[in-house]
Amino acid sequence: MLHHVSIRTADIHRAIAFYQLLGFEVSDRFSTGYTLACWLEGQQGRLELIQIPQPAPPPDAFGDEHYVGYYHLSFDLGETGQTLPQWLTQFAQALGQIGHSLKILLPPEQQMIGDRLYAVAFIADLDGLPIELIRPLPRQPNP
């Protein structure tokens, strides 16, 4: 069982606000001895945010086709009545209300994974880390 995913951020308060828009809430605040940290919990699991006092830009995991390492977080938006473009519009508006704009790395497209069709898009969090948004599309009845 996965316990948590840890994300190093330049600004923990800004990162908390971003991930709260994705349905996470702060469950614990603590320090790692030299910096601020917290756990966020949500339906999608648990994240740990760690503020880095002198941050350097992250590698371009999405744009560099030769990059090796952790690639992205993926959030399942579920089978809601909202399309992925509608969800992105609503998310962009909510992000704008906290003073930030949405960076789309890959606009919504359909992708077949196994025997299931998904709507998939990639956005960047406020530190530039790639996040995949995936939504299963309704199964079509067999003729």
Protein backbone atom coordinates (compact mmCIF):
# COMPACT_ATOMS: atom_id res chain seq x y z
CA MET A 1 0.00 0.00 0.00
CA LEU A 2 1.33 3.41 -0.95
CA HIS A 3 1.65 5.62 2.13
CA HIS A 4 2.22 9.01 0.50
CA VAL A 5 3.85 10.90 -2.33
CA SER A 6 6.27 13.65 -1.30
CA ILE A 7 6.53 16.90 -3.25
CA ARG A 8 9.21 19.51 -2.67
CA THR A 9 7.87 23.01 -3.24
CA ALA A 10 9.19 26.57 -3.38
CA ASP A 11 6.16 27.88 -1.44
CA ILE A 12 4.23 25.49 0.78
CA HIS A 13 1.28 27.86 1.28
CA ARG A 14 0.83 28.32 -2.47
CA ALA A 15 1.13 24.54 -2.99
CA ILE A 16 -1.44 23.83 -0.26
CA ALA A 17 -3.92 26.18 -1.97
CA PHE A 18 -3.35 24.43 -5.32
CA TYR A 19 -3.79 20.89 -4.00
CA GLN A 20 -6.84 21.92 -1.97
CA LEU A 21 -8.48 22.73 -5.31
CA LEU A 22 -7.83 19.09 -6.23
CA GLY A 23 -9.71 17.94 -3.11
CA PHE A 24 -6.90 17.59 -0.56
CA GLU A 25 -6.99 19.01 2.97
CA VAL A 26 -4.14 19.54 5.43
CA SER A 27 -4.17 16.76 8.01
CA ASP A 28 -0.85 17.44 9.79
CA ARG A 29 1.66 20.29 9.83
CA PHE A 30 5.23 19.67 10.98
CA SER A 31 8.82 20.60 10.30
CA THR A 32 11.51 18.35 8.93
CA GLY A 33 14.10 19.97 11.16
CA TYR A 34 15.01 22.73 8.74
CA THR A 35 11.83 23.58 6.91
CA LEU A 36 8.02 23.51 6.87
CA ALA A 37 6.13 20.40 5.83
CA CYS A 38 2.61 19.00 5.89
CA TRP A 39 0.51 16.04 4.93
CA LEU A 40 -2.52 16.55 2.75
CA GLU A 41 -5.21 13.91 2.60
CA GLY A 42 -7.98 13.40 0.12
CA GLN A 43 -9.95 10.79 -1.71
CA GLN A 44 -6.95 10.36 -4.01
CA GLY A 45 -4.57 9.44 -1.14
CA ARG A 46 -1.96 11.34 0.86
CA LEU A 47 0.59 13.93 -0.26
CA GLU A 48 3.48 15.35 1.70
CA LEU A 49 4.60 18.88 0.89
CA ILE A 50 8.06 20.06 1.93
CA GLN A 51 9.08 23.67 1.46
CA ILE A 52 12.60 24.11 0.07
CA PRO A 53 14.28 27.29 1.37
CA GLN A 54 16.49 27.89 -1.70
CA PRO A 55 14.63 26.14 -4.53
CA ALA A 56 16.08 25.43 -7.93
CA PRO A 57 13.80 24.87 -10.94
CA PRO A 58 12.72 21.24 -11.37
CA PRO A 59 13.84 19.26 -14.43
CA ASP A 60 11.42 19.32 -17.35
CA ALA A 61 10.01 15.82 -16.85
CA PHE A 62 7.18 16.46 -19.32
CA GLY A 63 9.08 18.20 -22.12
CA ASP A 64 12.41 16.32 -22.02
CA GLU A 65 11.90 13.02 -23.86
CA HIS A 66 15.19 11.71 -22.40
CA TYR A 67 14.29 12.45 -18.76
CA VAL A 68 14.43 9.41 -16.48
CA GLY A 69 12.78 9.43 -13.05
CA TYR A 70 9.43 10.15 -11.50
CA TYR A 71 7.24 11.51 -14.25
CA HIS A 72 3.90 12.71 -12.90
CA LEU A 73 1.04 12.32 -10.45
CA SER A 74 -2.22 11.12 -11.97
CA PHE A 75 -5.64 12.01 -10.61
CA ASP A 76 -8.75 10.08 -11.62
CA LEU A 77 -11.64 12.51 -12.05
CA GLY A 78 -14.11 9.64 -12.09
CA GLU A 79 -17.22 9.17 -14.16
CA THR A 80 -18.88 12.47 -13.36
CA GLY A 81 -21.29 14.39 -15.56
CA GLN A 82 -18.52 16.88 -16.35
CA THR A 83 -16.29 16.51 -19.40
CA LEU A 84 -12.55 16.98 -18.95
CA PRO A 85 -12.62 20.35 -20.82
CA GLN A 86 -15.45 21.52 -18.52
CA TRP A 87 -13.49 20.39 -15.46
CA LEU A 88 -10.38 22.23 -16.68
CA THR A 89 -12.38 25.44 -17.25
CA GLN A 90 -13.81 25.25 -13.74
CA PHE A 91 -10.37 24.46 -12.25
CA ALA A 92 -8.79 27.39 -14.14
CA GLN A 93 -11.46 29.73 -12.73
CA ALA A 94 -10.87 28.46 -9.17
CA LEU A 95 -7.11 28.83 -9.64
CA GLY A 96 -7.63 32.38 -10.90
CA GLN A 97 -9.54 33.20 -7.71
CA ILE A 98 -6.39 32.45 -5.70
CA GLY A 99 -4.22 34.54 -8.05
CA HIS A 100 -2.74 31.90 -10.35
CA SER A 101 -3.26 30.75 -13.90
CA LEU A 102 -3.57 27.23 -15.22
CA LYS A 103 -0.68 25.89 -17.29
CA ILE A 104 -1.87 23.14 -19.64
CA LEU A 105 0.95 20.87 -20.80
CA LEU A 106 -1.27 18.65 -22.97
CA PRO A 107 -4.85 19.59 -23.83
CA PRO A 108 -7.56 16.95 -23.37
CA GLU A 109 -7.39 14.02 -25.75
CA GLN A 110 -8.76 10.51 -25.83
CA GLN A 111 -6.49 7.56 -25.10
CA MET A 112 -7.22 3.85 -25.19
CA ILE A 113 -5.68 2.08 -22.19
CA GLY A 114 -6.32 -1.65 -22.15
CA ASP A 115 -9.94 -2.11 -23.15
CA ARG A 116 -11.07 1.27 -21.80
CA LEU A 117 -11.25 4.72 -23.41
CA TYR A 118 -10.14 7.68 -21.28
CA ALA A 119 -10.06 11.44 -21.57
CA VAL A 120 -6.54 12.52 -20.57
CA ALA A 121 -4.88 15.91 -20.06
CA PHE A 122 -1.70 17.15 -18.40
CA ILE A 123 -1.36 20.34 -16.36
CA ALA A 124 1.48 21.75 -14.26
CA ASP A 125 1.26 22.44 -10.56
CA LEU A 126 2.49 25.83 -9.36
CA ASP A 127 6.10 24.56 -9.17
CA GLY A 128 5.90 23.26 -12.75
CA LEU A 129 5.52 19.56 -11.87
CA PRO A 130 3.38 17.58 -14.34
CA ILE A 131 -0.02 16.29 -13.24
CA GLU A 132 -2.13 13.96 -15.34
CA LEU A 133 -5.89 14.23 -15.19
CA ILE A 134 -7.67 11.11 -16.34
CA ARG A 135 -11.38 10.47 -16.69
CA PRO A 136 -12.87 7.18 -17.87
CA LEU A 137 -15.30 7.72 -20.72
CA PRO A 138 -18.65 5.89 -20.66
CA ARG A 139 -18.53 2.44 -22.16
CA GLN A 140 -20.31 2.18 -25.45
CA PRO A 141 -22.88 -0.62 -25.67
CA ASN A 142 -21.93 -3.50 -27.95
CA PRO A 143 -24.06 -3.59 -31.13
